[in-house]
């Protein structure tokens, strides 16, 4: 079975990603998991990102029993679940990110330049 999302080439905006994930859920995934199940899934996926980063860039080493996942794939898993949560709660991620960047720009206009720890 072909994935309807990967059959066409197009620039992947946040809006298109939300639409593509919704199409995937409706055609392959059957239905969205509940919001609380997706929250648990998100925590699991973030944990997998943390495992890779702590073993690759931190002091921990990989154990023989570790499955060495790819960081890019695990980050995509995190993004997928975030998009699912946005879709099922009616959040437009494009607008949410735009507002969030505006908030950070106003709040942090000089904060980071003035932070001695960053110099």
N, C-alpha and C. Protein backbone atom coordinates (compact mmCIF):
# COMPACT_ATOMS: atom_id res chain seq x y z
N UNK A 1 0.85 -1.19 0.00
CA UNK A 1 0.00 0.00 0.00
C UNK A 1 0.88 1.24 0.00
N UNK A 2 0.63 2.13 -0.92
CA UNK A 2 1.39 3.37 -1.01
C UNK A 2 0.85 4.39 -0.02
N UNK A 3 1.73 5.16 0.54
CA UNK A 3 1.33 6.23 1.44
C UNK A 3 0.90 7.42 0.61
N UNK A 4 -0.34 7.89 0.78
CA UNK A 4 -0.82 9.00 -0.04
C UNK A 4 -0.03 10.28 0.17
N UNK A 5 0.61 10.41 1.30
CA UNK A 5 1.37 11.62 1.60
C UNK A 5 2.66 11.69 0.80
N UNK A 6 3.30 10.55 0.56
CA UNK A 6 4.60 10.55 -0.11
C UNK A 6 4.50 10.40 -1.61
N UNK A 7 3.29 10.32 -2.15
CA UNK A 7 3.14 10.11 -3.58
C UNK A 7 3.41 11.36 -4.39
N UNK A 8 3.26 12.54 -3.81
CA UNK A 8 3.48 13.78 -4.55
C UNK A 8 4.63 14.56 -3.93
N UNK A 9 5.32 15.28 -4.77
CA UNK A 9 6.38 16.16 -4.29
C UNK A 9 5.81 17.57 -4.16
N UNK A 10 5.96 18.17 -3.02
CA UNK A 10 5.51 19.54 -2.82
C UNK A 10 6.28 20.14 -1.67
N UNK A 11 6.40 21.48 -1.66
CA UNK A 11 7.02 22.11 -0.49
C UNK A 11 6.16 21.82 0.73
N UNK A 12 6.78 21.45 1.81
CA UNK A 12 6.03 21.06 2.99
C UNK A 12 5.97 22.22 3.97
N UNK A 13 4.91 23.02 3.87
CA UNK A 13 4.66 24.07 4.83
C UNK A 13 4.04 23.44 6.07
N UNK A 14 3.94 24.19 7.14
CA UNK A 14 3.26 23.67 8.32
C UNK A 14 1.81 23.31 7.99
N UNK A 15 1.14 24.15 7.20
CA UNK A 15 -0.25 23.88 6.82
C UNK A 15 -0.35 22.58 6.04
N UNK A 16 0.58 22.40 5.09
CA UNK A 16 0.56 21.16 4.30
C UNK A 16 0.88 19.96 5.17
N UNK A 17 1.81 20.12 6.11
CA UNK A 17 2.14 19.02 7.02
C UNK A 17 0.91 18.63 7.84
N UNK A 18 0.17 19.63 8.32
CA UNK A 18 -1.04 19.32 9.09
C UNK A 18 -2.05 18.58 8.21
N UNK A 19 -2.21 19.03 6.97
CA UNK A 19 -3.13 18.36 6.05
C UNK A 19 -2.66 16.96 5.71
N UNK A 20 -1.35 16.79 5.47
CA UNK A 20 -0.81 15.48 5.12
C UNK A 20 -0.96 14.49 6.27
N UNK A 21 -0.67 14.94 7.48
CA UNK A 21 -0.83 14.05 8.64
C UNK A 21 -2.30 13.68 8.80
N UNK A 22 -3.19 14.63 8.63
CA UNK A 22 -4.62 14.33 8.75
C UNK A 22 -5.04 13.31 7.69
N UNK A 23 -4.55 13.48 6.47
CA UNK A 23 -4.88 12.53 5.40
C UNK A 23 -4.34 11.15 5.75
N UNK A 24 -3.13 11.08 6.28
CA UNK A 24 -2.54 9.81 6.67
C UNK A 24 -3.38 9.14 7.75
N UNK A 25 -3.76 9.92 8.76
CA UNK A 25 -4.58 9.37 9.85
C UNK A 25 -5.89 8.82 9.28
N UNK A 26 -6.55 9.58 8.41
CA UNK A 26 -7.85 9.18 7.87
C UNK A 26 -7.75 7.95 6.96
N UNK A 27 -6.63 7.78 6.25
CA UNK A 27 -6.54 6.70 5.26
C UNK A 27 -5.76 5.48 5.75
N UNK A 28 -4.78 5.69 6.62
CA UNK A 28 -3.94 4.59 7.07
C UNK A 28 -4.03 4.37 8.58
N UNK A 29 -4.08 5.44 9.33
CA UNK A 29 -4.06 5.35 10.78
C UNK A 29 -5.40 5.05 11.42
N UNK A 30 -6.45 5.00 10.67
CA UNK A 30 -7.82 4.71 11.10
C UNK A 30 -8.46 5.89 11.81
N UNK A 31 -7.84 6.35 12.91
CA UNK A 31 -8.35 7.51 13.64
C UNK A 31 -7.24 8.06 14.52
N UNK A 32 -7.45 9.26 15.02
CA UNK A 32 -6.50 9.84 15.96
C UNK A 32 -6.60 9.09 17.29
N UNK A 33 -5.45 8.90 17.93
CA UNK A 33 -5.47 8.45 19.32
C UNK A 33 -6.05 9.59 20.14
N UNK A 34 -6.49 9.31 21.35
CA UNK A 34 -6.99 10.38 22.21
C UNK A 34 -5.86 11.36 22.50
N UNK A 35 -6.24 12.56 22.90
CA UNK A 35 -5.24 13.59 23.22
C UNK A 35 -4.29 13.12 24.31
N UNK A 36 -4.81 12.42 25.32
CA UNK A 36 -3.94 11.95 26.40
C UNK A 36 -3.00 10.84 25.93
N UNK A 37 -3.49 9.97 25.06
CA UNK A 37 -2.61 8.94 24.49
C UNK A 37 -1.53 9.60 23.65
N UNK A 38 -1.90 10.62 22.86
CA UNK A 38 -0.90 11.33 22.06
C UNK A 38 0.10 12.07 22.94
N UNK A 39 -0.35 12.57 24.09
CA UNK A 39 0.59 13.19 25.02
C UNK A 39 1.61 12.16 25.49
N UNK A 40 1.15 10.97 25.83
CA UNK A 40 2.07 9.91 26.25
C UNK A 40 3.01 9.54 25.10
N UNK A 41 2.49 9.47 23.88
CA UNK A 41 3.32 9.18 22.71
C UNK A 41 4.38 10.25 22.52
N UNK A 42 3.99 11.52 22.71
CA UNK A 42 4.93 12.63 22.57
C UNK A 42 6.07 12.49 23.58
N UNK A 43 5.73 12.17 24.82
CA UNK A 43 6.77 12.01 25.84
C UNK A 43 7.71 10.86 25.49
N UNK A 44 7.15 9.78 24.96
CA UNK A 44 7.97 8.64 24.54
C UNK A 44 8.93 9.04 23.43
N UNK A 45 8.42 9.76 22.44
CA UNK A 45 9.26 10.17 21.30
C UNK A 45 10.33 11.17 21.73
N UNK A 46 9.98 12.11 22.61
CA UNK A 46 10.97 13.07 23.12
C UNK A 46 12.05 12.32 23.90
N UNK A 47 11.65 11.29 24.62
CA UNK A 47 12.63 10.46 25.34
C UNK A 47 13.61 9.78 24.40
N UNK A 48 13.12 9.35 23.24
CA UNK A 48 14.01 8.72 22.26
C UNK A 48 14.99 9.74 21.69
N UNK A 49 14.54 10.97 21.48
CA UNK A 49 15.45 12.04 21.04
C UNK A 49 16.49 12.29 22.13
N UNK A 50 16.05 12.35 23.38
CA UNK A 50 16.98 12.59 24.50
C UNK A 50 18.02 11.48 24.60
N UNK A 51 17.60 10.24 24.40
CA UNK A 51 18.54 9.11 24.48
C UNK A 51 19.65 9.27 23.42
N UNK A 52 19.24 9.57 22.20
CA UNK A 52 20.23 9.72 21.13
C UNK A 52 21.17 10.88 21.42
N UNK A 53 20.63 12.03 21.83
CA UNK A 53 21.46 13.20 22.08
C UNK A 53 22.40 12.98 23.27
N UNK A 54 21.90 12.36 24.34
CA UNK A 54 22.75 12.17 25.51
C UNK A 54 23.88 11.18 25.25
N UNK A 55 23.65 10.24 24.34
CA UNK A 55 24.68 9.26 24.03
C UNK A 55 25.62 9.73 22.91
N UNK A 56 25.10 10.60 22.05
CA UNK A 56 25.91 11.10 20.94
C UNK A 56 26.73 12.33 21.34
N UNK A 57 26.10 13.25 22.06
CA UNK A 57 26.76 14.52 22.39
C UNK A 57 27.07 14.67 23.88
N UNK A 58 26.48 13.83 24.70
CA UNK A 58 26.68 13.90 26.14
C UNK A 58 27.69 12.87 26.61
N UNK A 59 27.70 12.66 27.89
CA UNK A 59 28.68 11.77 28.50
C UNK A 59 28.27 10.30 28.48
N UNK A 60 27.01 10.02 28.21
CA UNK A 60 26.59 8.62 28.19
C UNK A 60 27.07 7.92 26.94
N UNK A 61 27.24 6.61 27.04
CA UNK A 61 27.60 5.82 25.87
C UNK A 61 26.44 4.90 25.53
N UNK A 62 26.42 4.45 24.29
CA UNK A 62 25.38 3.51 23.87
C UNK A 62 25.62 2.16 24.54
N UNK A 63 24.56 1.54 25.00
CA UNK A 63 24.62 0.20 25.56
C UNK A 63 24.48 -0.80 24.41
N UNK A 64 25.00 -1.99 24.57
CA UNK A 64 24.83 -2.99 23.52
C UNK A 64 23.36 -3.24 23.18
N UNK A 65 22.49 -3.09 24.17
CA UNK A 65 21.06 -3.35 23.94
C UNK A 65 20.33 -2.16 23.32
N UNK A 66 21.00 -0.99 23.22
CA UNK A 66 20.36 0.20 22.64
C UNK A 66 20.11 0.00 21.15
N UNK A 67 18.91 0.33 20.74
CA UNK A 67 18.66 0.45 19.30
C UNK A 67 19.13 1.85 18.92
N UNK A 68 20.05 1.94 18.00
CA UNK A 68 20.57 3.24 17.64
C UNK A 68 19.68 3.85 16.56
N UNK A 69 18.66 4.58 17.00
CA UNK A 69 17.78 5.25 16.08
C UNK A 69 18.47 6.45 15.46
N UNK A 70 17.90 6.94 14.39
CA UNK A 70 18.43 8.14 13.74
C UNK A 70 17.77 9.37 14.33
N UNK A 71 18.56 10.36 14.65
CA UNK A 71 18.03 11.59 15.23
C UNK A 71 16.97 12.20 14.33
N UNK A 72 17.22 12.26 13.04
CA UNK A 72 16.25 12.88 12.12
C UNK A 72 14.91 12.16 12.16
N UNK A 73 14.93 10.83 12.23
CA UNK A 73 13.70 10.06 12.28
C UNK A 73 12.96 10.29 13.60
N UNK A 74 13.71 10.35 14.69
CA UNK A 74 13.07 10.56 16.00
C UNK A 74 12.49 11.97 16.10
N UNK A 75 13.20 12.97 15.57
CA UNK A 75 12.65 14.33 15.56
C UNK A 75 11.39 14.39 14.71
N UNK A 76 11.37 13.66 13.59
CA UNK A 76 10.18 13.61 12.75
C UNK A 76 9.03 12.94 13.50
N UNK A 77 9.32 11.93 14.32
CA UNK A 77 8.28 11.30 15.14
C UNK A 77 7.68 12.31 16.11
N UNK A 78 8.55 13.12 16.74
CA UNK A 78 8.07 14.17 17.66
C UNK A 78 7.16 15.14 16.90
N UNK A 79 7.61 15.58 15.74
CA UNK A 79 6.83 16.52 14.94
C UNK A 79 5.49 15.92 14.53
N UNK A 80 5.47 14.65 14.15
CA UNK A 80 4.24 13.98 13.76
C UNK A 80 3.21 14.03 14.90
N UNK A 81 3.65 13.69 16.11
CA UNK A 81 2.71 13.67 17.24
C UNK A 81 2.27 15.09 17.59
N UNK A 82 3.17 16.06 17.52
CA UNK A 82 2.78 17.46 17.77
C UNK A 82 1.72 17.88 16.75
N UNK A 83 1.90 17.50 15.50
CA UNK A 83 0.93 17.84 14.46
C UNK A 83 -0.40 17.14 14.74
N UNK A 84 -0.36 15.89 15.17
CA UNK A 84 -1.60 15.20 15.53
C UNK A 84 -2.34 15.96 16.63
N UNK A 85 -1.62 16.36 17.66
CA UNK A 85 -2.25 17.11 18.76
C UNK A 85 -2.82 18.43 18.27
N UNK A 86 -2.09 19.11 17.40
CA UNK A 86 -2.59 20.38 16.85
C UNK A 86 -3.86 20.13 16.04
N UNK A 87 -3.85 19.13 15.19
CA UNK A 87 -5.03 18.84 14.36
C UNK A 87 -6.24 18.52 15.21
N UNK A 88 -6.06 17.69 16.20
CA UNK A 88 -7.24 17.26 16.95
C UNK A 88 -7.73 18.29 17.96
N UNK A 89 -6.93 19.32 18.22
CA UNK A 89 -7.38 20.39 19.12
C UNK A 89 -7.66 21.70 18.39
N UNK A 90 -7.57 21.67 17.06
CA UNK A 90 -7.92 22.84 16.27
C UNK A 90 -6.87 23.94 16.24
N UNK A 91 -5.62 23.61 16.47
CA UNK A 91 -4.55 24.60 16.46
C UNK A 91 -3.96 24.69 15.05
N UNK A 92 -3.90 25.90 14.51
CA UNK A 92 -3.22 26.17 13.25
C UNK A 92 -1.76 26.46 13.60
N UNK A 93 -0.87 25.52 13.31
CA UNK A 93 0.52 25.68 13.72
C UNK A 93 1.22 26.85 13.04
N UNK A 94 0.82 27.19 11.83
CA UNK A 94 1.43 28.33 11.15
C UNK A 94 1.16 29.60 11.94
N UNK A 95 -0.08 29.82 12.28
CA UNK A 95 -0.44 31.02 13.05
C UNK A 95 0.14 30.96 14.46
N UNK A 96 0.12 29.80 15.07
CA UNK A 96 0.65 29.67 16.42
C UNK A 96 2.14 29.99 16.45
N UNK A 97 2.89 29.48 15.48
CA UNK A 97 4.32 29.75 15.43
C UNK A 97 4.59 31.22 15.12
N UNK A 98 3.81 31.80 14.22
CA UNK A 98 3.97 33.22 13.89
C UNK A 98 3.76 34.08 15.15
N UNK A 99 2.69 33.81 15.89
CA UNK A 99 2.41 34.57 17.12
C UNK A 99 3.51 34.34 18.16
N UNK A 100 4.00 33.11 18.26
CA UNK A 100 5.02 32.78 19.23
C UNK A 100 6.32 33.51 18.92
N UNK A 101 6.69 33.58 17.63
CA UNK A 101 7.90 34.31 17.25
C UNK A 101 7.76 35.80 17.51
N UNK A 102 6.58 36.35 17.26
CA UNK A 102 6.34 37.76 17.56
C UNK A 102 6.48 38.02 19.06
N UNK A 103 5.91 37.13 19.87
CA UNK A 103 6.01 37.27 21.33
C UNK A 103 7.46 37.23 21.77
N UNK A 104 8.22 36.27 21.26
CA UNK A 104 9.63 36.15 21.64
C UNK A 104 10.43 37.36 21.17
N UNK A 105 10.12 37.87 19.99
CA UNK A 105 10.84 39.02 19.46
C UNK A 105 10.62 40.24 20.36
N UNK A 106 9.39 40.47 20.77
CA UNK A 106 9.11 41.61 21.67
C UNK A 106 9.74 41.40 23.04
N UNK A 107 9.56 40.22 23.59
CA UNK A 107 10.03 39.94 24.94
C UNK A 107 11.55 39.91 25.03
N UNK A 108 12.19 39.37 24.00
CA UNK A 108 13.63 39.12 24.06
C UNK A 108 14.45 40.03 23.15
N UNK A 109 13.90 41.19 22.81
CA UNK A 109 14.54 42.08 21.84
C UNK A 109 16.01 42.33 22.18
N UNK A 110 16.33 42.53 23.43
CA UNK A 110 17.72 42.77 23.82
C UNK A 110 18.22 41.78 24.86
N UNK A 111 17.35 40.96 25.36
CA UNK A 111 17.68 40.05 26.47
C UNK A 111 18.90 39.18 26.17
N UNK A 112 18.96 38.55 25.03
CA UNK A 112 20.05 37.63 24.74
C UNK A 112 21.36 38.37 24.44
N UNK A 113 21.26 39.54 23.78
CA UNK A 113 22.48 40.33 23.53
C UNK A 113 23.10 40.82 24.84
N UNK A 114 22.26 41.02 25.85
CA UNK A 114 22.74 41.53 27.12
C UNK A 114 23.13 40.42 28.09
N UNK A 115 22.95 39.19 27.71
CA UNK A 115 23.24 38.06 28.59
C UNK A 115 24.74 37.75 28.54
N UNK A 116 25.41 38.00 29.65
CA UNK A 116 26.85 37.79 29.74
C UNK A 116 27.22 36.31 29.50
N UNK A 117 26.32 35.40 29.83
CA UNK A 117 26.60 33.97 29.66
C UNK A 117 26.70 33.58 28.19
N UNK A 118 26.15 34.39 27.32
CA UNK A 118 26.15 34.07 25.88
C UNK A 118 27.29 34.74 25.12
N UNK A 119 28.10 35.52 25.83
CA UNK A 119 29.20 36.23 25.16
C UNK A 119 30.47 35.44 25.21
